[in-house]
């Protein structure tokens, strides 16, 4: 019970802090328009495309890590089996 209260308190404190410094608005403006707090001009379309592409690659790789690893092990086993037959 104490752990739940502690987690809820920390989460509530974060929400209050985020609302105080407009964190959600700044995040929304960055994702949609490329505005970075403290900069006068937004990011260019190419820079935002690079950021979105990099984030997509990271999330996809993380979510498909196990299937990719299984596939690479399978390919490695097939190649080592093929090399052992020819040698």
N, C-alpha and C. Protein backbone atom coordinates (compact mmCIF):
# COMPACT_ATOMS: atom_id res chain seq x y z
N UNK A 1 0.82 -1.19 0.00
CA UNK A 1 0.00 0.00 0.00
C UNK A 1 0.86 1.25 0.00
N UNK A 2 1.94 1.25 0.78
CA UNK A 2 2.82 2.41 0.83
C UNK A 2 3.49 2.65 -0.51
N UNK A 3 3.82 1.56 -1.21
CA UNK A 3 4.46 1.68 -2.52
C UNK A 3 3.51 2.33 -3.53
N UNK A 4 2.25 1.96 -3.49
CA UNK A 4 1.25 2.54 -4.39
C UNK A 4 1.09 4.03 -4.12
N UNK A 5 1.01 4.39 -2.86
CA UNK A 5 0.86 5.80 -2.49
C UNK A 5 2.09 6.59 -2.94
N UNK A 6 3.28 6.03 -2.77
CA UNK A 6 4.50 6.70 -3.19
C UNK A 6 4.52 6.91 -4.70
N UNK A 7 4.17 5.88 -5.46
CA UNK A 7 4.16 5.98 -6.92
C UNK A 7 3.14 7.01 -7.38
N UNK A 8 1.95 6.99 -6.80
CA UNK A 8 0.92 7.96 -7.17
C UNK A 8 1.35 9.38 -6.80
N UNK A 9 2.03 9.54 -5.69
CA UNK A 9 2.50 10.86 -5.28
C UNK A 9 3.56 11.39 -6.24
N UNK A 10 4.49 10.55 -6.63
CA UNK A 10 5.52 10.95 -7.58
C UNK A 10 4.90 11.29 -8.93
N UNK A 11 3.96 10.47 -9.38
CA UNK A 11 3.28 10.71 -10.66
C UNK A 11 2.49 12.02 -10.61
N UNK A 12 1.80 12.26 -9.51
CA UNK A 12 1.05 13.50 -9.35
C UNK A 12 1.96 14.71 -9.33
N UNK A 13 3.10 14.59 -8.65
CA UNK A 13 4.07 15.69 -8.62
C UNK A 13 4.60 15.99 -10.02
N UNK A 14 4.86 14.94 -10.80
CA UNK A 14 5.32 15.14 -12.16
C UNK A 14 4.26 15.85 -13.01
N UNK A 15 3.01 15.46 -12.87
CA UNK A 15 1.93 16.09 -13.63
C UNK A 15 1.82 17.57 -13.26
N UNK A 16 1.89 17.89 -11.98
CA UNK A 16 1.82 19.29 -11.56
C UNK A 16 3.00 20.08 -12.11
N UNK A 17 4.19 19.51 -12.05
CA UNK A 17 5.38 20.16 -12.60
C UNK A 17 5.24 20.37 -14.11
N UNK A 18 4.78 19.33 -14.81
CA UNK A 18 4.63 19.41 -16.27
C UNK A 18 3.62 20.48 -16.66
N UNK A 19 2.55 20.59 -15.92
CA UNK A 19 1.56 21.62 -16.21
C UNK A 19 2.09 23.02 -15.89
N UNK A 20 2.93 23.12 -14.89
CA UNK A 20 3.50 24.41 -14.50
C UNK A 20 4.45 24.96 -15.57
N UNK A 21 5.28 24.10 -16.14
CA UNK A 21 6.27 24.55 -17.13
C UNK A 21 5.78 24.36 -18.56
N UNK A 22 4.51 24.05 -18.75
CA UNK A 22 3.92 23.84 -20.08
C UNK A 22 4.65 22.74 -20.87
N UNK A 23 5.01 21.67 -20.20
CA UNK A 23 5.74 20.59 -20.85
C UNK A 23 4.91 19.93 -21.95
N UNK A 24 3.63 19.72 -21.70
CA UNK A 24 2.79 19.06 -22.69
C UNK A 24 2.62 19.94 -23.93
N UNK A 25 2.45 21.24 -23.73
CA UNK A 25 2.32 22.15 -24.87
C UNK A 25 3.61 22.19 -25.68
N UNK A 26 4.75 22.24 -25.00
CA UNK A 26 6.03 22.28 -25.70
C UNK A 26 6.28 20.98 -26.45
N UNK A 27 5.93 19.86 -25.86
CA UNK A 27 6.08 18.58 -26.55
C UNK A 27 5.17 18.51 -27.77
N UNK A 28 3.95 18.98 -27.62
CA UNK A 28 3.00 19.01 -28.73
C UNK A 28 3.51 19.90 -29.86
N UNK A 29 4.04 21.07 -29.53
CA UNK A 29 4.55 21.98 -30.55
C UNK A 29 5.79 21.40 -31.24
N UNK A 30 6.62 20.66 -30.50
CA UNK A 30 7.80 20.05 -31.12
C UNK A 30 7.39 18.95 -32.08
N UNK A 31 6.50 18.07 -31.65
CA UNK A 31 6.11 16.93 -32.49
C UNK A 31 5.40 17.40 -33.75
N UNK A 32 4.52 18.38 -33.64
CA UNK A 32 3.75 18.80 -34.82
C UNK A 32 4.48 19.81 -35.70
N UNK A 33 5.18 20.75 -35.09
CA UNK A 33 5.71 21.86 -35.86
C UNK A 33 7.22 22.02 -35.80
N UNK A 34 7.90 21.27 -34.95
CA UNK A 34 9.36 21.36 -34.87
C UNK A 34 9.86 22.54 -34.07
N UNK A 35 9.02 23.13 -33.22
CA UNK A 35 9.46 24.24 -32.38
C UNK A 35 10.23 23.70 -31.18
N UNK A 36 11.42 24.20 -30.98
CA UNK A 36 12.22 23.84 -29.82
C UNK A 36 12.22 25.03 -28.88
N UNK A 37 11.89 24.82 -27.60
CA UNK A 37 11.87 25.95 -26.66
C UNK A 37 13.23 26.64 -26.59
N UNK A 38 13.22 27.96 -26.68
CA UNK A 38 14.45 28.72 -26.62
C UNK A 38 15.03 29.08 -27.97
N UNK A 39 14.48 28.52 -29.03
CA UNK A 39 14.96 28.85 -30.39
C UNK A 39 13.93 29.74 -31.08
N UNK A 40 14.40 30.64 -31.89
CA UNK A 40 13.50 31.57 -32.58
C UNK A 40 12.82 30.91 -33.77
N UNK A 41 13.56 30.07 -34.51
CA UNK A 41 13.00 29.46 -35.70
C UNK A 41 12.79 27.96 -35.48
N UNK A 42 11.79 27.38 -36.11
CA UNK A 42 11.55 25.94 -35.96
C UNK A 42 12.57 25.13 -36.77
N UNK A 43 12.58 23.84 -36.53
CA UNK A 43 13.43 22.94 -37.31
C UNK A 43 12.90 22.86 -38.74
N UNK A 44 13.79 22.56 -39.67
CA UNK A 44 13.35 22.40 -41.05
C UNK A 44 12.63 21.07 -41.22
N UNK A 45 11.95 20.94 -42.35
CA UNK A 45 11.23 19.69 -42.62
C UNK A 45 12.19 18.51 -42.71
N UNK A 46 13.36 18.71 -43.30
CA UNK A 46 14.33 17.61 -43.41
C UNK A 46 14.84 17.17 -42.03
N UNK A 47 15.05 18.12 -41.14
CA UNK A 47 15.50 17.76 -39.79
C UNK A 47 14.42 16.98 -39.05
N UNK A 48 13.17 17.42 -39.17
CA UNK A 48 12.07 16.70 -38.51
C UNK A 48 11.90 15.31 -39.12
N UNK A 49 12.05 15.19 -40.44
CA UNK A 49 11.95 13.89 -41.09
C UNK A 49 13.05 12.96 -40.58
N UNK A 50 14.25 13.48 -40.40
CA UNK A 50 15.33 12.67 -39.86
C UNK A 50 15.02 12.22 -38.44
N UNK A 51 14.49 13.11 -37.61
CA UNK A 51 14.15 12.76 -36.23
C UNK A 51 13.05 11.70 -36.21
N UNK A 52 12.00 11.88 -37.02
CA UNK A 52 10.92 10.90 -37.07
C UNK A 52 11.41 9.56 -37.60
N UNK A 53 12.25 9.59 -38.62
CA UNK A 53 12.79 8.35 -39.17
C UNK A 53 13.65 7.61 -38.16
N UNK A 54 14.50 8.35 -37.46
CA UNK A 54 15.35 7.73 -36.45
C UNK A 54 14.51 7.13 -35.32
N UNK A 55 13.50 7.86 -34.88
CA UNK A 55 12.62 7.34 -33.82
C UNK A 55 11.88 6.10 -34.30
N UNK A 56 11.44 6.08 -35.55
CA UNK A 56 10.75 4.91 -36.09
C UNK A 56 11.67 3.70 -36.13
N UNK A 57 12.90 3.90 -36.56
CA UNK A 57 13.86 2.80 -36.62
C UNK A 57 14.15 2.26 -35.22
N UNK A 58 14.32 3.14 -34.25
CA UNK A 58 14.61 2.71 -32.88
C UNK A 58 13.44 1.91 -32.30
N UNK A 59 12.22 2.42 -32.45
CA UNK A 59 11.05 1.74 -31.89
C UNK A 59 10.82 0.41 -32.60
N UNK A 60 10.95 0.38 -33.92
CA UNK A 60 10.75 -0.87 -34.66
C UNK A 60 11.79 -1.90 -34.29
N UNK A 61 13.05 -1.49 -34.21
CA UNK A 61 14.11 -2.42 -33.84
C UNK A 61 13.90 -2.95 -32.43
N UNK A 62 13.51 -2.09 -31.51
CA UNK A 62 13.28 -2.53 -30.14
C UNK A 62 12.11 -3.51 -30.06
N UNK A 63 11.04 -3.22 -30.79
CA UNK A 63 9.86 -4.09 -30.70
C UNK A 63 10.06 -5.39 -31.44
N UNK A 64 10.91 -5.42 -32.45
CA UNK A 64 11.14 -6.65 -33.22
C UNK A 64 12.48 -7.29 -32.91
N UNK A 65 13.09 -6.96 -31.78
CA UNK A 65 14.42 -7.46 -31.44
C UNK A 65 14.46 -8.98 -31.38
N UNK A 66 13.52 -9.59 -30.71
CA UNK A 66 13.53 -11.06 -30.56
C UNK A 66 13.33 -11.76 -31.90
N UNK A 67 12.32 -11.38 -32.72
CA UNK A 67 12.18 -12.04 -34.02
C UNK A 67 13.39 -11.83 -34.93
N UNK A 68 13.98 -10.64 -34.90
CA UNK A 68 15.17 -10.39 -35.73
C UNK A 68 16.32 -11.27 -35.26
N UNK A 69 16.48 -11.37 -33.94
CA UNK A 69 17.56 -12.20 -33.40
C UNK A 69 17.36 -13.66 -33.78
N UNK A 70 16.12 -14.17 -33.67
CA UNK A 70 15.84 -15.55 -34.07
C UNK A 70 16.15 -15.77 -35.54
N UNK A 71 15.76 -14.81 -36.39
CA UNK A 71 16.01 -14.94 -37.81
C UNK A 71 17.50 -14.96 -38.11
N UNK A 72 18.27 -14.09 -37.47
CA UNK A 72 19.71 -14.05 -37.70
C UNK A 72 20.39 -15.33 -37.21
N UNK A 73 19.93 -15.88 -36.10
CA UNK A 73 20.48 -17.15 -35.62
C UNK A 73 20.14 -18.26 -36.61
N UNK A 74 18.93 -18.26 -37.13
CA UNK A 74 18.52 -19.25 -38.12
C UNK A 74 19.39 -19.16 -39.38
N UNK A 75 19.59 -17.94 -39.87
CA UNK A 75 20.43 -17.75 -41.06
C UNK A 75 21.86 -18.18 -40.78
N UNK A 76 22.38 -17.83 -39.62
CA UNK A 76 23.74 -18.22 -39.26
C UNK A 76 23.87 -19.74 -39.20
N UNK A 77 22.88 -20.41 -38.62
CA UNK A 77 22.92 -21.87 -38.55
C UNK A 77 22.86 -22.48 -39.95
N UNK A 78 22.01 -21.94 -40.81
CA UNK A 78 21.91 -22.46 -42.18
C UNK A 78 23.22 -22.26 -42.95
N UNK A 79 23.84 -21.08 -42.78
CA UNK A 79 25.10 -20.83 -43.48
C UNK A 79 26.22 -21.69 -42.95
N UNK A 80 26.28 -21.87 -41.63
CA UNK A 80 27.35 -22.71 -41.07
C UNK A 80 27.13 -24.17 -41.46
N UNK A 81 25.87 -24.60 -41.58
CA UNK A 81 25.57 -25.97 -42.01
C UNK A 81 25.98 -26.13 -43.48
N UNK A 82 25.73 -25.13 -44.31
CA UNK A 82 26.08 -25.20 -45.73
C UNK A 82 27.61 -25.23 -45.89
N UNK A 83 28.33 -24.43 -45.09
CA UNK A 83 29.80 -24.42 -45.17
C UNK A 83 30.39 -25.71 -44.66
N UNK A 84 29.76 -26.34 -43.68
CA UNK A 84 30.30 -27.58 -43.17
C UNK A 84 30.10 -28.72 -44.16
N UNK A 85 29.08 -28.66 -45.00
CA UNK A 85 28.85 -29.69 -46.03
C UNK A 85 29.85 -29.56 -47.17
N UNK A 86 30.23 -28.31 -47.51
CA UNK A 86 31.17 -28.13 -48.63
C UNK A 86 32.60 -28.38 -48.22
N UNK A 87 32.91 -28.28 -46.94
CA UNK A 87 34.31 -28.47 -46.50
C UNK A 87 34.67 -29.91 -46.32
